[in-house]
Amino acid sequence: HHLFMNGALMSADDGSISVIAGQAFGGGGVINWSASLLT
């Protein structure tokens, strides 16, 4: 409820993919997994 956009319950219109996005002070950097890969 507090750290994800739309309660981590956002899906494409056809229901085929669930989209998990951060919504927190600090953004996705609060809830990501530390992976730091260069382009």
PDB file of all heavy atoms in Angstrom:
ATOM      1  N   HIS A   1       0.818  -1.212   0.000  1.00  0.00           N
ATOM      2  CA  HIS A   1       0.000   0.000   0.000  1.00  0.00           C
ATOM      3  C   HIS A   1       0.856   1.267   0.000  1.00  0.00           C
ATOM      4  O   HIS A   1       0.497   2.262  -0.628  1.00  0.00           O
ATOM      5  CB  HIS A   1      -0.917   0.022   1.223  1.00  0.00           C
ATOM      6  CG  HIS A   1      -1.962  -1.037   1.227  1.00  0.00           C
ATOM      7  ND1 HIS A   1      -3.016  -1.038   0.334  1.00  0.00           N
ATOM      8  CD2 HIS A   1      -2.129  -2.134   2.003  1.00  0.00           C
ATOM      9  CE1 HIS A   1      -3.790  -2.092   0.567  1.00  0.00           C
ATOM     10  NE2 HIS A   1      -3.268  -2.769   1.576  1.00  0.00           N
ATOM     11  N   HIS A   2       1.973   1.254   0.724  1.00  0.00           N
ATOM     12  CA  HIS A   2       2.723   2.478   0.965  1.00  0.00           C
ATOM     13  C   HIS A   2       3.908   2.686   0.031  1.00  0.00           C
ATOM     14  O   HIS A   2       4.401   3.808  -0.082  1.00  0.00           O
ATOM     15  CB  HIS A   2       3.230   2.499   2.402  1.00  0.00           C
ATOM     16  CG  HIS A   2       2.136   2.569   3.420  1.00  0.00           C
ATOM     17  ND1 HIS A   2       1.250   3.621   3.496  1.00  0.00           N
ATOM     18  CD2 HIS A   2       1.769   1.712   4.398  1.00  0.00           C
ATOM     19  CE1 HIS A   2       0.393   3.405   4.477  1.00  0.00           C
ATOM     20  NE2 HIS A   2       0.684   2.258   5.037  1.00  0.00           N
ATOM     21  N   LEU A   3       4.392   1.633  -0.613  1.00  0.00           N
ATOM     22  CA  LEU A   3       5.641   1.739  -1.353  1.00  0.00           C
ATOM     23  C   LEU A   3       5.504   1.493  -2.851  1.00  0.00           C
ATOM     24  O   LEU A   3       6.484   1.642  -3.587  1.00  0.00           O
ATOM     25  CB  LEU A   3       6.672   0.753  -0.779  1.00  0.00           C
ATOM     26  CG  LEU A   3       6.989   0.921   0.711  1.00  0.00           C
ATOM     27  CD1 LEU A   3       7.965  -0.164   1.166  1.00  0.00           C
ATOM     28  CD2 LEU A   3       7.548   2.294   1.012  1.00  0.00           C
ATOM     29  N   PHE A   4       4.308   1.109  -3.294  1.00  0.00           N
ATOM     30  CA  PHE A   4       4.122   0.746  -4.699  1.00  0.00           C
ATOM     31  C   PHE A   4       2.960   1.518  -5.304  1.00  0.00           C
ATOM     32  O   PHE A   4       1.953   1.783  -4.646  1.00  0.00           O
ATOM     33  CB  PHE A   4       3.848  -0.760  -4.836  1.00  0.00           C
ATOM     34  CG  PHE A   4       5.013  -1.628  -4.454  1.00  0.00           C
ATOM     35  CD1 PHE A   4       5.209  -1.994  -3.138  1.00  0.00           C
ATOM     36  CD2 PHE A   4       5.912  -2.066  -5.408  1.00  0.00           C
ATOM     37  CE1 PHE A   4       6.281  -2.794  -2.772  1.00  0.00           C
ATOM     38  CE2 PHE A   4       6.978  -2.864  -5.060  1.00  0.00           C
ATOM     39  CZ  PHE A   4       7.171  -3.235  -3.735  1.00  0.00           C
ATOM     40  N   MET A   5       3.125   1.859  -6.557  1.00  0.00           N
ATOM     41  CA  MET A   5       2.046   2.520  -7.286  1.00  0.00           C
ATOM     42  C   MET A   5       0.837   1.609  -7.392  1.00  0.00           C
ATOM     43  O   MET A   5       0.972   0.410  -7.694  1.00  0.00           O
ATOM     44  CB  MET A   5       2.542   2.905  -8.685  1.00  0.00           C
ATOM     45  CG  MET A   5       1.587   3.777  -9.483  1.00  0.00           C
ATOM     46  SD  MET A   5       2.230   4.082 -11.156  1.00  0.00           S
ATOM     47  CE  MET A   5       3.801   4.852 -10.762  1.00  0.00           C
ATOM     48  N   ASN A   6      -0.316   2.173  -7.095  1.00  0.00           N
ATOM     49  CA  ASN A   6      -1.576   1.433  -7.236  1.00  0.00           C
ATOM     50  C   ASN A   6      -1.570   0.142  -6.425  1.00  0.00           C
ATOM     51  O   ASN A   6      -2.165  -0.859  -6.814  1.00  0.00           O
ATOM     52  CB  ASN A   6      -1.861   1.129  -8.716  1.00  0.00           C
ATOM     53  CG  ASN A   6      -3.353   1.060  -9.012  1.00  0.00           C
ATOM     54  OD1 ASN A   6      -4.087   1.993  -8.703  1.00  0.00           O
ATOM     55  ND2 ASN A   6      -3.808  -0.029  -9.591  1.00  0.00           N
ATOM     56  N   GLY A   7      -0.886   0.168  -5.272  1.00  0.00           N
ATOM     57  CA  GLY A   7      -0.869  -1.004  -4.408  1.00  0.00           C
ATOM     58  C   GLY A   7      -0.220  -2.219  -5.021  1.00  0.00           C
ATOM     59  O   GLY A   7      -0.488  -3.343  -4.612  1.00  0.00           O
ATOM     60  N   ALA A   8       0.675  -2.015  -6.010  1.00  0.00           N
ATOM     61  CA  ALA A   8       1.336  -3.095  -6.742  1.00  0.00           C
ATOM     62  C   ALA A   8       0.329  -3.945  -7.510  1.00  0.00           C
ATOM     63  O   ALA A   8       0.577  -5.115  -7.795  1.00  0.00           O
ATOM     64  CB  ALA A   8       2.167  -3.982  -5.806  1.00  0.00           C
ATOM     65  N   LEU A   9      -0.801  -3.346  -7.870  1.00  0.00           N
ATOM     66  CA  LEU A   9      -1.871  -4.084  -8.551  1.00  0.00           C
ATOM     67  C   LEU A   9      -2.294  -3.348  -9.823  1.00  0.00           C
ATOM     68  O   LEU A   9      -3.442  -2.962  -9.990  1.00  0.00           O
ATOM     69  CB  LEU A   9      -3.071  -4.262  -7.619  1.00  0.00           C
ATOM     70  CG  LEU A   9      -2.845  -5.240  -6.475  1.00  0.00           C
ATOM     71  CD1 LEU A   9      -3.894  -5.061  -5.396  1.00  0.00           C
ATOM     72  CD2 LEU A   9      -2.869  -6.679  -6.998  1.00  0.00           C
ATOM     73  N   MET A  10      -1.351  -3.166 -10.721  1.00  0.00           N
ATOM     74  CA  MET A  10      -1.629  -2.531 -12.003  1.00  0.00           C
ATOM     75  C   MET A  10      -1.402  -3.555 -13.106  1.00  0.00           C
ATOM     76  O   MET A  10      -0.352  -4.185 -13.161  1.00  0.00           O
ATOM     77  CB  MET A  10      -0.722  -1.312 -12.181  1.00  0.00           C
ATOM     78  CG  MET A  10      -0.958  -0.548 -13.454  1.00  0.00           C
ATOM     79  SD  MET A  10      -0.221   1.118 -13.451  1.00  0.00           S
ATOM     80  CE  MET A  10       1.276   0.877 -12.528  1.00  0.00           C
ATOM     81  N   SER A  11      -2.383  -3.706 -13.974  1.00  0.00           N
ATOM     82  CA  SER A  11      -2.276  -4.672 -15.064  1.00  0.00           C
ATOM     83  C   SER A  11      -2.581  -3.993 -16.392  1.00  0.00           C
ATOM     84  O   SER A  11      -3.288  -2.974 -16.440  1.00  0.00           O
ATOM     85  CB  SER A  11      -3.250  -5.839 -14.869  1.00  0.00           C
ATOM     86  OG  SER A  11      -2.915  -6.593 -13.721  1.00  0.00           O
ATOM     87  N   ALA A  12      -2.051  -4.570 -17.451  1.00  0.00           N
ATOM     88  CA  ALA A  12      -2.403  -4.100 -18.786  1.00  0.00           C
ATOM     89  C   ALA A  12      -3.889  -4.326 -19.023  1.00  0.00           C
ATOM     90  O   ALA A  12      -4.532  -5.150 -18.365  1.00  0.00           O
ATOM     91  CB  ALA A  12      -1.574  -4.833 -19.836  1.00  0.00           C
ATOM     92  N   ASP A  13      -4.434  -3.600 -19.978  1.00  0.00           N
ATOM     93  CA  ASP A  13      -5.866  -3.673 -20.235  1.00  0.00           C
ATOM     94  C   ASP A  13      -6.338  -5.082 -20.551  1.00  0.00           C
ATOM     95  O   ASP A  13      -7.458  -5.470 -20.203  1.00  0.00           O
ATOM     96  CB  ASP A  13      -6.240  -2.736 -21.388  1.00  0.00           C
ATOM     97  CG  ASP A  13      -6.155  -1.269 -21.002  1.00  0.00           C
ATOM     98  OD1 ASP A  13      -6.043  -0.966 -19.796  1.00  0.00           O
ATOM     99  OD2 ASP A  13      -6.182  -0.413 -21.910  1.00  0.00           O
ATOM    100  N   ASP A  14      -5.501  -5.869 -21.217  1.00  0.00           N
ATOM    101  CA  ASP A  14      -5.914  -7.234 -21.552  1.00  0.00           C
ATOM    102  C   ASP A  14      -5.569  -8.227 -20.452  1.00  0.00           C
ATOM    103  O   ASP A  14      -5.799  -9.434 -20.607  1.00  0.00           O
ATOM    104  CB  ASP A  14      -5.306  -7.683 -22.888  1.00  0.00           C
ATOM    105  CG  ASP A  14      -3.783  -7.797 -22.841  1.00  0.00           C
ATOM    106  OD1 ASP A  14      -3.175  -7.538 -21.783  1.00  0.00           O
ATOM    107  OD2 ASP A  14      -3.196  -8.163 -23.888  1.00  0.00           O
ATOM    108  N   GLY A  15      -5.025  -7.752 -19.333  1.00  0.00           N
ATOM    109  CA  GLY A  15      -4.722  -8.619 -18.196  1.00  0.00           C
ATOM    110  C   GLY A  15      -3.518  -9.509 -18.382  1.00  0.00           C
ATOM    111  O   GLY A  15      -3.255 -10.372 -17.540  1.00  0.00           O
ATOM    112  N   SER A  16      -2.731  -9.301 -19.438  1.00  0.00           N
ATOM    113  CA  SER A  16      -1.665 -10.251 -19.757  1.00  0.00           C
ATOM    114  C   SER A  16      -0.355  -9.962 -19.034  1.00  0.00           C
ATOM    115  O   SER A  16       0.536 -10.812 -19.024  1.00  0.00           O
ATOM    116  CB  SER A  16      -1.407 -10.261 -21.267  1.00  0.00           C
ATOM    117  OG  SER A  16      -0.919  -8.992 -21.698  1.00  0.00           O
ATOM    118  N   ILE A  17      -0.219  -8.768 -18.445  1.00  0.00           N
ATOM    119  CA  ILE A  17       1.025  -8.447 -17.754  1.00  0.00           C
ATOM    120  C   ILE A  17       0.708  -7.550 -16.566  1.00  0.00           C
ATOM    121  O   ILE A  17      -0.095  -6.621 -16.653  1.00  0.00           O
ATOM    122  CB  ILE A  17       2.058  -7.781 -18.697  1.00  0.00           C
ATOM    123  CG1 ILE A  17       3.416  -7.614 -17.988  1.00  0.00           C
ATOM    124  CG2 ILE A  17       1.559  -6.469 -19.262  1.00  0.00           C
ATOM    125  CD1 ILE A  17       4.560  -7.311 -18.954  1.00  0.00           C
ATOM    126  N   SER A  18       1.327  -7.863 -15.443  1.00  0.00           N
ATOM    127  CA  SER A  18       1.189  -7.076 -14.225  1.00  0.00           C
ATOM    128  C   SER A  18       2.393  -6.155 -14.110  1.00  0.00           C
ATOM    129  O   SER A  18       3.536  -6.584 -14.288  1.00  0.00           O
ATOM    130  CB  SER A  18       1.111  -8.008 -13.008  1.00  0.00           C
ATOM    131  OG  SER A  18       1.006  -7.276 -11.809  1.00  0.00           O
ATOM    132  N   VAL A  19       2.143  -4.880 -13.829  1.00  0.00           N
ATOM    133  CA  VAL A  19       3.195  -3.868 -13.802  1.00  0.00           C
ATOM    134  C   VAL A  19       3.430  -3.423 -12.362  1.00  0.00           C
ATOM    135  O   VAL A  19       2.523  -2.890 -11.714  1.00  0.00           O
ATOM    136  CB  VAL A  19       2.814  -2.661 -14.683  1.00  0.00           C
ATOM    137  CG1 VAL A  19       3.895  -1.593 -14.633  1.00  0.00           C
ATOM    138  CG2 VAL A  19       2.574  -3.116 -16.124  1.00  0.00           C
ATOM    139  N   ILE A  20       4.637  -3.658 -11.872  1.00  0.00           N
ATOM    140  CA  ILE A  20       5.012  -3.308 -10.503  1.00  0.00           C
ATOM    141  C   ILE A  20       5.937  -2.099 -10.551  1.00  0.00           C
ATOM    142  O   ILE A  20       7.027  -2.168 -11.130  1.00  0.00           O
ATOM    143  CB  ILE A  20       5.729  -4.476  -9.797  1.00  0.00           C
ATOM    144  CG1 ILE A  20       4.926  -5.771  -9.928  1.00  0.00           C
ATOM    145  CG2 ILE A  20       6.002  -4.127  -8.343  1.00  0.00           C
ATOM    146  CD1 ILE A  20       3.601  -5.747  -9.239  1.00  0.00           C
ATOM    147  N   ALA A  21       5.516  -0.984  -9.971  1.00  0.00           N
ATOM    148  CA  ALA A  21       6.312   0.242  -9.985  1.00  0.00           C
ATOM    149  C   ALA A  21       6.332   0.851  -8.593  1.00  0.00           C
ATOM    150  O   ALA A  21       5.323   0.840  -7.881  1.00  0.00           O
ATOM    151  CB  ALA A  21       5.728   1.246 -10.988  1.00  0.00           C
ATOM    152  N   GLY A  22       7.476   1.389  -8.206  1.00  0.00           N
ATOM    153  CA  GLY A  22       7.596   2.013  -6.901  1.00  0.00           C
ATOM    154  C   GLY A  22       6.896   3.352  -6.855  1.00  0.00           C
ATOM    155  O   GLY A  22       6.823   4.080  -7.843  1.00  0.00           O
ATOM    156  N   GLN A  23       6.352   3.666  -5.689  1.00  0.00           N
ATOM    157  CA  GLN A  23       5.823   5.004  -5.425  1.00  0.00           C
ATOM    158  C   GLN A  23       6.104   5.298  -3.962  1.00  0.00           C
ATOM    159  O   GLN A  23       5.316   4.963  -3.074  1.00  0.00           O
ATOM    160  CB  GLN A  23       4.329   5.102  -5.718  1.00  0.00           C
ATOM    161  CG  GLN A  23       3.767   6.511  -5.538  1.00  0.00           C
ATOM    162  CD  GLN A  23       2.339   6.633  -6.015  1.00  0.00           C
ATOM    163  OE1 GLN A  23       2.061   6.582  -7.215  1.00  0.00           O
ATOM    164  NE2 GLN A  23       1.414   6.786  -5.087  1.00  0.00           N
ATOM    165  N   ALA A  24       7.261   5.888  -3.713  1.00  0.00           N
ATOM    166  CA  ALA A  24       7.734   6.112  -2.357  1.00  0.00           C
ATOM    167  C   ALA A  24       8.631   7.337  -2.356  1.00  0.00           C
ATOM    168  O   ALA A  24       9.059   7.805  -3.420  1.00  0.00           O
ATOM    169  CB  ALA A  24       8.520   4.892  -1.854  1.00  0.00           C
ATOM    170  N   PHE A  25       8.921   7.880  -1.172  1.00  0.00           N
ATOM    171  CA  PHE A  25       9.921   8.930  -1.091  1.00  0.00           C
ATOM    172  C   PHE A  25      11.277   8.251  -1.310  1.00  0.00           C
ATOM    173  O   PHE A  25      11.751   7.491  -0.490  1.00  0.00           O
ATOM    174  CB  PHE A  25       9.876   9.622   0.279  1.00  0.00           C
ATOM    175  CG  PHE A  25      10.842  10.768   0.383  1.00  0.00           C
ATOM    176  CD1 PHE A  25      10.546  11.986  -0.201  1.00  0.00           C
ATOM    177  CD2 PHE A  25      12.057  10.624   1.038  1.00  0.00           C
ATOM    178  CE1 PHE A  25      11.440  13.054  -0.123  1.00  0.00           C
ATOM    179  CE2 PHE A  25      12.956  11.674   1.127  1.00  0.00           C
ATOM    180  CZ  PHE A  25      12.642  12.894   0.545  1.00  0.00           C
ATOM    181  N   GLY A  26      11.881   8.537  -2.449  1.00  0.00           N
ATOM    182  CA  GLY A  26      13.062   7.801  -2.902  1.00  0.00           C
ATOM    183  C   GLY A  26      12.755   6.936  -4.099  1.00  0.00           C
ATOM    184  O   GLY A  26      13.648   6.310  -4.671  1.00  0.00           O
ATOM    185  N   GLY A  27      11.463   6.881  -4.497  1.00  0.00           N
ATOM    186  CA  GLY A  27      11.060   6.188  -5.712  1.00  0.00           C
ATOM    187  C   GLY A  27      11.376   4.709  -5.717  1.00  0.00           C
ATOM    188  O   GLY A  27      11.408   4.037  -4.680  1.00  0.00           O
ATOM    189  N   GLY A  28      11.640   4.188  -6.920  1.00  0.00           N
ATOM    190  CA  GLY A  28      11.950   2.771  -7.071  1.00  0.00           C
ATOM    191  C   GLY A  28      13.211   2.359  -6.350  1.00  0.00           C
ATOM    192  O   GLY A  28      13.410   1.170  -6.078  1.00  0.00           O
ATOM    193  N   GLY A  29      14.077   3.331  -6.012  1.00  0.00           N
ATOM    194  CA  GLY A  29      15.289   3.010  -5.281  1.00  0.00           C
ATOM    195  C   GLY A  29      15.033   2.505  -3.880  1.00  0.00           C
ATOM    196  O   GLY A  29      15.925   1.931  -3.246  1.00  0.00           O
ATOM    197  N   VAL A  30      13.814   2.698  -3.366  1.00  0.00           N
ATOM    198  CA  VAL A  30      13.458   2.183  -2.045  1.00  0.00           C
ATOM    199  C   VAL A  30      13.159   0.689  -2.093  1.00  0.00           C
ATOM    200  O   VAL A  30      13.471  -0.055  -1.158  1.00  0.00           O
ATOM    201  CB  VAL A  30      12.238   2.948  -1.474  1.00  0.00           C
ATOM    202  CG1 VAL A  30      11.755   2.333  -0.160  1.00  0.00           C
ATOM    203  CG2 VAL A  30      12.577   4.414  -1.271  1.00  0.00           C
ATOM    204  N   ILE A  31      12.568   0.234  -3.203  1.00  0.00           N
ATOM    205  CA  ILE A  31      12.066  -1.144  -3.241  1.00  0.00           C
ATOM    206  C   ILE A  31      12.801  -2.024  -4.255  1.00  0.00           C
ATOM    207  O   ILE A  31      12.436  -3.189  -4.432  1.00  0.00           O
ATOM    208  CB  ILE A  31      10.535  -1.175  -3.507  1.00  0.00           C
ATOM    209  CG1 ILE A  31      10.132  -0.295  -4.714  1.00  0.00           C
ATOM    210  CG2 ILE A  31       9.800  -0.666  -2.281  1.00  0.00           C
ATOM    211  CD1 ILE A  31      10.147  -0.956  -6.034  1.00  0.00           C
ATOM    212  N   ASN A  32      13.826  -1.503  -4.924  1.00  0.00           N
ATOM    213  CA  ASN A  32      14.529  -2.359  -5.886  1.00  0.00           C
ATOM    214  C   ASN A  32      15.519  -3.275  -5.171  1.00  0.00           C
ATOM    215  O   ASN A  32      15.640  -3.243  -3.945  1.00  0.00           O
ATOM    216  CB  ASN A  32      15.183  -1.538  -7.005  1.00  0.00           C
ATOM    217  CG  ASN A  32      16.355  -0.694  -6.533  1.00  0.00           C
ATOM    218  OD1 ASN A  32      16.882  -0.867  -5.436  1.00  0.00           O
ATOM    219  ND2 ASN A  32      16.772   0.240  -7.365  1.00  0.00           N
ATOM    220  N   TRP A  33      16.229  -4.081  -5.947  1.00  0.00           N
ATOM    221  CA  TRP A  33      17.018  -5.177  -5.362  1.00  0.00           C
ATOM    222  C   TRP A  33      18.518  -4.913  -5.389  1.00  0.00           C
ATOM    223  O   TRP A  33      19.304  -5.860  -5.363  1.00  0.00           O
ATOM    224  CB  TRP A  33      16.713  -6.486  -6.094  1.00  0.00           C
ATOM    225  CG  TRP A  33      15.262  -6.837  -6.132  1.00  0.00           C
ATOM    226  CD1 TRP A  33      14.255  -6.297  -5.376  1.00  0.00           C
ATOM    227  CD2 TRP A  33      14.639  -7.805  -6.976  1.00  0.00           C
ATOM    228  NE1 TRP A  33      13.052  -6.868  -5.698  1.00  0.00           N
ATOM    229  CE2 TRP A  33      13.258  -7.792  -6.674  1.00  0.00           C
ATOM    230  CE3 TRP A  33      15.110  -8.677  -7.950  1.00  0.00           C
ATOM    231  CZ2 TRP A  33      12.352  -8.633  -7.314  1.00  0.00           C
ATOM    232  CZ3 TRP A  33      14.211  -9.515  -8.593  1.00  0.00           C
ATOM    233  CH2 TRP A  33      12.845  -9.491  -8.266  1.00  0.00           C
ATOM    234  N   SER A  34      18.919  -3.666  -5.488  1.00  0.00           N
ATOM    235  CA  SER A  34      20.334  -3.253  -5.413  1.00  0.00           C
ATOM    236  C   SER A  34      21.133  -3.518  -6.676  1.00  0.00           C
ATOM    237  O   SER A  34      22.298  -3.116  -6.761  1.00  0.00           O
ATOM    238  CB  SER A  34      21.059  -3.923  -4.222  1.00  0.00           C
ATOM    239  OG  SER A  34      20.483  -3.547  -3.000  1.00  0.00           O
ATOM    240  N   ALA A  35      20.576  -4.201  -7.654  1.00  0.00           N
ATOM    241  CA  ALA A  35      21.330  -4.539  -8.864  1.00  0.00           C
ATOM    242  C   ALA A  35      21.771  -3.273  -9.588  1.00  0.00           C
ATOM    243  O   ALA A  35      20.951  -2.405  -9.884  1.00  0.00           O
ATOM    244  CB  ALA A  35      20.493  -5.414  -9.793  1.00  0.00           C
ATOM    245  N   SER A  36      23.069  -3.183  -9.892  1.00  0.00           N
ATOM    246  CA  SER A  36      23.646  -1.961 -10.456  1.00  0.00           C
ATOM    247  C   SER A  36      24.480  -2.303 -11.684  1.00  0.00           C
ATOM    248  O   SER A  36      25.712  -2.308 -11.652  1.00  0.00           O
ATOM    249  CB  SER A  36      24.498  -1.252  -9.400  1.00  0.00           C
ATOM    250  OG  SER A  36      23.731  -0.927  -8.263  1.00  0.00           O
ATOM    251  N   LEU A  37      23.786  -2.591 -12.772  1.00  0.00           N
ATOM    252  CA  LEU A  37      24.434  -2.981 -14.020  1.00  0.00           C
ATOM    253  C   LEU A  37      24.552  -1.775 -14.946  1.00  0.00           C
ATOM    254  O   LEU A  37      23.594  -1.010 -15.114  1.00  0.00           O
ATOM    255  CB  LEU A  37      23.640  -4.091 -14.710  1.00  0.00           C
ATOM    256  CG  LEU A  37      23.655  -5.447 -13.982  1.00  0.00           C
ATOM    257  CD1 LEU A  37      22.515  -6.326 -14.467  1.00  0.00           C
ATOM    258  CD2 LEU A  37      24.988  -6.141 -14.189  1.00  0.00           C
ATOM    259  N   LEU A  38      25.718  -1.616 -15.564  1.00  0.00           N
ATOM    260  CA  LEU A  38      25.930  -0.519 -16.500  1.00  0.00           C
ATOM    261  C   LEU A  38      25.223  -0.796 -17.825  1.00  0.00           C
ATOM    262  O   LEU A  38      25.026  -1.954 -18.217  1.00  0.00           O
ATOM    263  CB  LEU A  38      27.426  -0.334 -16.761  1.00  0.00           C
ATOM    264  CG  LEU A  38      28.315   0.001 -15.559  1.00  0.00           C
ATOM    265  CD1 LEU A  38      29.741   0.275 -16.043  1.00  0.00           C
ATOM    266  CD2 LEU A  38      27.791   1.193 -14.789  1.00  0.00           C
ATOM    267  N   THR A  39      24.860   0.280 -18.520  1.00  0.00           N
ATOM    268  CA  THR A  39      24.286   0.158 -19.856  1.00  0.00           C
ATOM    269  C   THR A  39      25.291  -0.538 -20.768  1.00  0.00           C
ATOM    270  O   THR A  39      26.455  -0.139 -20.845  1.00  0.00           O
ATOM    271  CB  THR A  39      23.984   1.547 -20.436  1.00  0.00           C
ATOM    272  OG1 THR A  39      23.553   2.416 -19.397  1.00  0.00           O
ATOM    273  CG2 THR A  39      22.918   1.457 -21.505  1.00  0.00           C
TER     274      THR A  39
END
